[in-house]
Amino acid sequence: NNANEVIKNLVSQTIPTIIYGGTGH
């Protein structure tokens, strides 16, 4: 639950990423 650890984990996790493209949806 430590915020700094959470941010660090986000970088290291190998999970599928859906990236936003375009606008208005």
PDB file of all heavy atoms in Angstrom:
ATOM      1  N   ASN A   1       0.800  -1.220   0.000  1.00  0.00           N
ATOM      2  CA  ASN A   1       0.000   0.000   0.000  1.00  0.00           C
ATOM      3  C   ASN A   1       0.834   1.271   0.000  1.00  0.00           C
ATOM      4  O   ASN A   1       0.287   2.365   0.000  1.00  0.00           O
ATOM      5  CB  ASN A   1      -0.939   0.018   1.221  1.00  0.00           C
ATOM      6  CG  ASN A   1      -2.064  -0.983   1.071  1.00  0.00           C
ATOM      7  OD1 ASN A   1      -2.493  -1.281  -0.038  1.00  0.00           O
ATOM      8  ND2 ASN A   1      -2.535  -1.512   2.184  1.00  0.00           N
ATOM      9  N   ASN A   2       2.161   1.141   0.033  1.00  0.00           N
ATOM     10  CA  ASN A   2       3.002   2.320  -0.011  1.00  0.00           C
ATOM     11  C   ASN A   2       3.008   2.891  -1.421  1.00  0.00           C
ATOM     12  O   ASN A   2       3.248   2.187  -2.385  1.00  0.00           O
ATOM     13  CB  ASN A   2       4.429   1.953   0.395  1.00  0.00           C
ATOM     14  CG  ASN A   2       5.352   3.155   0.396  1.00  0.00           C
ATOM     15  OD1 ASN A   2       5.879   3.534  -0.640  1.00  0.00           O
ATOM     16  ND2 ASN A   2       5.524   3.748   1.558  1.00  0.00           N
ATOM     17  N   ALA A   3       2.728   4.203  -1.570  1.00  0.00           N
ATOM     18  CA  ALA A   3       2.572   4.809  -2.897  1.00  0.00           C
ATOM     19  C   ALA A   3       3.832   4.654  -3.733  1.00  0.00           C
ATOM     20  O   ALA A   3       3.764   4.361  -4.927  1.00  0.00           O
ATOM     21  CB  ALA A   3       2.214   6.285  -2.759  1.00  0.00           C
ATOM     22  N   ASN A   4       5.022   4.845  -3.134  1.00  0.00           N
ATOM     23  CA  ASN A   4       6.257   4.731  -3.902  1.00  0.00           C
ATOM     24  C   ASN A   4       6.466   3.318  -4.414  1.00  0.00           C
ATOM     25  O   ASN A   4       6.932   3.102  -5.531  1.00  0.00           O
ATOM     26  CB  ASN A   4       7.451   5.165  -3.046  1.00  0.00           C
ATOM     27  CG  ASN A   4       7.415   6.643  -2.719  1.00  0.00           C
ATOM     28  OD1 ASN A   4       6.942   7.430  -3.533  1.00  0.00           O
ATOM     29  ND2 ASN A   4       7.881   7.001  -1.548  1.00  0.00           N
ATOM     30  N   GLU A   5       6.114   2.327  -3.605  1.00  0.00           N
ATOM     31  CA  GLU A   5       6.237   0.945  -4.040  1.00  0.00           C
ATOM     32  C   GLU A   5       5.263   0.645  -5.175  1.00  0.00           C
ATOM     33  O   GLU A   5       5.581  -0.101  -6.109  1.00  0.00           O
ATOM     34  CB  GLU A   5       5.990  -0.001  -2.867  1.00  0.00           C
ATOM     35  CG  GLU A   5       7.106  -0.042  -1.843  1.00  0.00           C
ATOM     36  CD  GLU A   5       8.402  -0.549  -2.455  1.00  0.00           C
ATOM     37  OE1 GLU A   5       8.364  -1.569  -3.177  1.00  0.00           O
ATOM     38  OE2 GLU A   5       9.450   0.088  -2.236  1.00  0.00           O
ATOM     39  N   VAL A   6       4.063   1.227  -5.095  1.00  0.00           N
ATOM     40  CA  VAL A   6       3.080   1.013  -6.152  1.00  0.00           C
ATOM     41  C   VAL A   6       3.602   1.530  -7.478  1.00  0.00           C
ATOM     42  O   VAL A   6       3.534   0.858  -8.504  1.00  0.00           O
ATOM     43  CB  VAL A   6       1.747   1.703  -5.796  1.00  0.00           C
ATOM     44  CG1 VAL A   6       0.831   1.752  -7.013  1.00  0.00           C
ATOM     45  CG2 VAL A   6       1.054   0.972  -4.659  1.00  0.00           C
ATOM     46  N   ILE A   7       4.159   2.749  -7.490  1.00  0.00           N
ATOM     47  CA  ILE A   7       4.691   3.317  -8.714  1.00  0.00           C
ATOM     48  C   ILE A   7       5.816   2.442  -9.254  1.00  0.00           C
ATOM     49  O   ILE A   7       5.898   2.168 -10.452  1.00  0.00           O
ATOM     50  CB  ILE A   7       5.209   4.750  -8.473  1.00  0.00           C
ATOM     51  CG1 ILE A   7       4.072   5.646  -7.988  1.00  0.00           C
ATOM     52  CG2 ILE A   7       5.834   5.315  -9.734  1.00  0.00           C
ATOM     53  CD1 ILE A   7       2.920   5.769  -8.949  1.00  0.00           C
ATOM     54  N   LYS A   8       6.688   1.952  -8.372  1.00  0.00           N
ATOM     55  CA  LYS A   8       7.789   1.092  -8.799  1.00  0.00           C
ATOM     56  C   LYS A   8       7.263  -0.197  -9.405  1.00  0.00           C
ATOM     57  O   LYS A   8       7.763  -0.687 -10.418  1.00  0.00           O
ATOM     58  CB  LYS A   8       8.703   0.796  -7.605  1.00  0.00           C
ATOM     59  CG  LYS A   8       9.960  -0.002  -7.979  1.00  0.00           C
ATOM     60  CD  LYS A   8      10.946  -0.042  -6.825  1.00  0.00           C
ATOM     61  CE  LYS A   8      10.389  -0.832  -5.655  1.00  0.00           C
ATOM     62  NZ  LYS A   8      11.383  -0.962  -4.560  1.00  0.00           N
ATOM     63  N   ASN A   9       6.213  -0.760  -8.811  1.00  0.00           N
ATOM     64  CA  ASN A   9       5.647  -1.991  -9.329  1.00  0.00           C
ATOM     65  C   ASN A   9       5.033  -1.792 -10.713  1.00  0.00           C
ATOM     66  O   ASN A   9       5.060  -2.697 -11.544  1.00  0.00           O
ATOM     67  CB  ASN A   9       4.584  -2.527  -8.369  1.00  0.00           C
ATOM     68  CG  ASN A   9       5.186  -3.117  -7.116  1.00  0.00           C
ATOM     69  OD1 ASN A   9       6.355  -3.466  -7.100  1.00  0.00           O
ATOM     70  ND2 ASN A   9       4.388  -3.209  -6.061  1.00  0.00           N
ATOM     71  N   LEU A  10       4.454  -0.619 -10.953  1.00  0.00           N
ATOM     72  CA  LEU A  10       3.843  -0.362 -12.252  1.00  0.00           C
ATOM     73  C   LEU A  10       4.865  -0.480 -13.376  1.00  0.00           C
ATOM     74  O   LEU A  10       4.549  -0.902 -14.481  1.00  0.00           O
ATOM     75  CB  LEU A  10       3.224   1.045 -12.281  1.00  0.00           C
ATOM     76  CG  LEU A  10       2.014   1.275 -11.385  1.00  0.00           C
ATOM     77  CD1 LEU A  10       1.507   2.691 -11.554  1.00  0.00           C
ATOM     78  CD2 LEU A  10       0.911   0.291 -11.712  1.00  0.00           C
ATOM     79  N   VAL A  11       6.091  -0.083 -13.095  1.00  0.00           N
ATOM     80  CA  VAL A  11       7.143  -0.130 -14.106  1.00  0.00           C
ATOM     81  C   VAL A  11       7.574  -1.569 -14.379  1.00  0.00           C
ATOM     82  O   VAL A  11       7.876  -1.953 -15.506  1.00  0.00           O
ATOM     83  CB  VAL A  11       8.352   0.715 -13.667  1.00  0.00           C
ATOM     84  CG1 VAL A  11       9.494   0.589 -14.663  1.00  0.00           C
ATOM     85  CG2 VAL A  11       7.937   2.166 -13.500  1.00  0.00           C
ATOM     86  N   SER A  12       7.570  -2.388 -13.329  1.00  0.00           N
ATOM     87  CA  SER A  12       8.142  -3.730 -13.450  1.00  0.00           C
ATOM     88  C   SER A  12       7.127  -4.793 -13.857  1.00  0.00           C
ATOM     89  O   SER A  12       7.516  -5.866 -14.296  1.00  0.00           O
ATOM     90  CB  SER A  12       8.789  -4.129 -12.122  1.00  0.00           C
ATOM     91  OG  SER A  12       7.816  -4.182 -11.093  1.00  0.00           O
ATOM     92  N   GLN A  13       5.835  -4.547 -13.687  1.00  0.00           N
ATOM     93  CA  GLN A  13       4.850  -5.573 -13.990  1.00  0.00           C
ATOM     94  C   GLN A  13       4.765  -5.836 -15.492  1.00  0.00           C
ATOM     95  O   GLN A  13       4.734  -4.912 -16.298  1.00  0.00           O
ATOM     96  CB  GLN A  13       3.464  -5.145 -13.484  1.00  0.00           C
ATOM     97  CG  GLN A  13       3.330  -5.113 -11.974  1.00  0.00           C
ATOM     98  CD  GLN A  13       3.310  -6.506 -11.370  1.00  0.00           C
ATOM     99  OE1 GLN A  13       3.140  -7.490 -12.068  1.00  0.00           O
ATOM    100  NE2 GLN A  13       3.478  -6.592 -10.074  1.00  0.00           N
ATOM    101  N   THR A  14       4.741  -7.100 -15.871  1.00  0.00           N
ATOM    102  CA  THR A  14       4.602  -7.467 -17.278  1.00  0.00           C
ATOM    103  C   THR A  14       3.152  -7.856 -17.539  1.00  0.00           C
ATOM    104  O   THR A  14       2.808  -9.036 -17.671  1.00  0.00           O
ATOM    105  CB  THR A  14       5.536  -8.630 -17.630  1.00  0.00           C
ATOM    106  OG1 THR A  14       5.275  -9.719 -16.741  1.00  0.00           O
ATOM    107  CG2 THR A  14       6.986  -8.207 -17.517  1.00  0.00           C
ATOM    108  N   ILE A  15       2.284  -6.867 -17.613  1.00  0.00           N
ATOM    109  CA  ILE A  15       0.869  -7.115 -17.862  1.00  0.00           C
ATOM    110  C   ILE A  15       0.480  -6.444 -19.176  1.00  0.00           C
ATOM    111  O   ILE A  15       1.088  -5.454 -19.588  1.00  0.00           O
ATOM    112  CB  ILE A  15      -0.010  -6.600 -16.701  1.00  0.00           C
ATOM    113  CG1 ILE A  15       0.076  -5.078 -16.569  1.00  0.00           C
ATOM    114  CG2 ILE A  15       0.369  -7.275 -15.409  1.00  0.00           C
ATOM    115  CD1 ILE A  15      -0.865  -4.518 -15.519  1.00  0.00           C
ATOM    116  N   PRO A  16      -0.516  -6.974 -19.857  1.00  0.00           N
ATOM    117  CA  PRO A  16      -0.948  -6.374 -21.117  1.00  0.00           C
ATOM    118  C   PRO A  16      -1.423  -4.936 -20.906  1.00  0.00           C
ATOM    119  O   PRO A  16      -2.183  -4.650 -19.984  1.00  0.00           O
ATOM    120  CB  PRO A  16      -2.103  -7.274 -21.561  1.00  0.00           C
ATOM    121  CG  PRO A  16      -1.867  -8.570 -20.877  1.00  0.00           C
ATOM    122  CD  PRO A  16      -1.258  -8.208 -19.554  1.00  0.00           C
ATOM    123  N   THR A  17      -0.981  -4.044 -21.782  1.00  0.00           N
ATOM    124  CA  THR A  17      -1.327  -2.634 -21.679  1.00  0.00           C
ATOM    125  C   THR A  17      -2.195  -2.225 -22.862  1.00  0.00           C
ATOM    126  O   THR A  17      -1.833  -2.473 -24.014  1.00  0.00           O
ATOM    127  CB  THR A  17      -0.065  -1.763 -21.652  1.00  0.00           C
ATOM    128  OG1 THR A  17       0.695  -2.088 -20.491  1.00  0.00           O
ATOM    129  CG2 THR A  17      -0.415  -0.289 -21.596  1.00  0.00           C
ATOM    130  N   ILE A  18      -3.327  -1.625 -22.568  1.00  0.00           N
ATOM    131  CA  ILE A  18      -4.198  -1.067 -23.599  1.00  0.00           C
ATOM    132  C   ILE A  18      -4.007   0.440 -23.579  1.00  0.00           C
ATOM    133  O   ILE A  18      -4.341   1.101 -22.593  1.00  0.00           O
ATOM    134  CB  ILE A  18      -5.669  -1.441 -23.358  1.00  0.00           C
ATOM    135  CG1 ILE A  18      -5.824  -2.969 -23.330  1.00  0.00           C
ATOM    136  CG2 ILE A  18      -6.546  -0.844 -24.440  1.00  0.00           C
ATOM    137  CD1 ILE A  18      -7.223  -3.436 -23.009  1.00  0.00           C
ATOM    138  N   ILE A  19      -3.466   0.998 -24.653  1.00  0.00           N
ATOM    139  CA  ILE A  19      -3.095   2.405 -24.707  1.00  0.00           C
ATOM    140  C   ILE A  19      -4.153   3.187 -25.478  1.00  0.00           C
ATOM    141  O   ILE A  19      -4.579   2.780 -26.558  1.00  0.00           O
ATOM    142  CB  ILE A  19      -1.711   2.574 -25.358  1.00  0.00           C
ATOM    143  CG1 ILE A  19      -0.656   1.847 -24.515  1.00  0.00           C
ATOM    144  CG2 ILE A  19      -1.343   4.046 -25.495  1.00  0.00           C
ATOM    145  CD1 ILE A  19       0.728   1.852 -25.126  1.00  0.00           C
ATOM    146  N   TYR A  20      -4.541   4.312 -24.911  1.00  0.00           N
ATOM    147  CA  TYR A  20      -5.591   5.144 -25.507  1.00  0.00           C
ATOM    148  C   TYR A  20      -5.088   5.800 -26.787  1.00  0.00           C
ATOM    149  O   TYR A  20      -4.028   6.410 -26.817  1.00  0.00           O
ATOM    150  CB  TYR A  20      -6.014   6.220 -24.511  1.00  0.00           C
ATOM    151  CG  TYR A  20      -7.332   6.898 -24.825  1.00  0.00           C
ATOM    152  CD1 TYR A  20      -8.487   6.531 -24.156  1.00  0.00           C
ATOM    153  CD2 TYR A  20      -7.420   7.903 -25.789  1.00  0.00           C
ATOM    154  CE1 TYR A  20      -9.692   7.148 -24.422  1.00  0.00           C
ATOM    155  CE2 TYR A  20      -8.618   8.521 -26.068  1.00  0.00           C
ATOM    156  CZ  TYR A  20      -9.760   8.142 -25.384  1.00  0.00           C
ATOM    157  OH  TYR A  20     -10.953   8.754 -25.670  1.00  0.00           O
ATOM    158  N   GLY A  21      -5.878   5.704 -27.859  1.00  0.00           N
ATOM    159  CA  GLY A  21      -5.598   6.390 -29.104  1.00  0.00           C
ATOM    160  C   GLY A  21      -6.829   7.130 -29.577  1.00  0.00           C
ATOM    161  O   GLY A  21      -7.961   6.767 -29.244  1.00  0.00           O
ATOM    162  N   GLY A  22      -6.635   8.196 -30.357  1.00  0.00           N
ATOM    163  CA  GLY A  22      -7.764   8.973 -30.837  1.00  0.00           C
ATOM    164  C   GLY A  22      -8.368   9.839 -29.748  1.00  0.00           C
ATOM    165  O   GLY A  22      -7.728  10.128 -28.731  1.00  0.00           O
ATOM    166  N   THR A  23      -9.624  10.254 -29.922  1.00  0.00           N
ATOM    167  CA  THR A  23     -10.324  11.107 -28.968  1.00  0.00           C
ATOM    168  C   THR A  23     -11.792  10.705 -28.889  1.00  0.00           C
ATOM    169  O   THR A  23     -12.330  10.055 -29.785  1.00  0.00           O
ATOM    170  CB  THR A  23     -10.244  12.597 -29.379  1.00  0.00           C
ATOM    171  OG1 THR A  23     -10.845  12.760 -30.685  1.00  0.00           O
ATOM    172  CG2 THR A  23      -8.813  13.094 -29.418  1.00  0.00           C
ATOM    173  N   GLY A  24     -12.445  11.123 -27.798  1.00  0.00           N
ATOM    174  CA  GLY A  24     -13.897  11.046 -27.692  1.00  0.00           C
ATOM    175  C   GLY A  24     -14.489   9.663 -27.537  1.00  0.00           C
ATOM    176  O   GLY A  24     -15.599   9.405 -28.012  1.00  0.00           O
ATOM    177  N   HIS A  25     -13.805   8.759 -26.847  1.00  0.00           N
ATOM    178  CA  HIS A  25     -14.356   7.423 -26.653  1.00  0.00           C
ATOM    179  C   HIS A  25     -13.777   6.809 -25.386  1.00  0.00           C
ATOM    180  O   HIS A  25     -12.781   7.277 -24.847  1.00  0.00           O
ATOM    181  CB  HIS A  25     -14.027   6.524 -27.854  1.00  0.00           C
ATOM    182  CG  HIS A  25     -12.567   6.235 -28.005  1.00  0.00           C
ATOM    183  ND1 HIS A  25     -11.950   5.143 -27.424  1.00  0.00           N
ATOM    184  CD2 HIS A  25     -11.576   6.911 -28.652  1.00  0.00           C
ATOM    185  CE1 HIS A  25     -10.665   5.140 -27.714  1.00  0.00           C
ATOM    186  NE2 HIS A  25     -10.400   6.209 -28.454  1.00  0.00           N
TER     187      HIS A  25
END
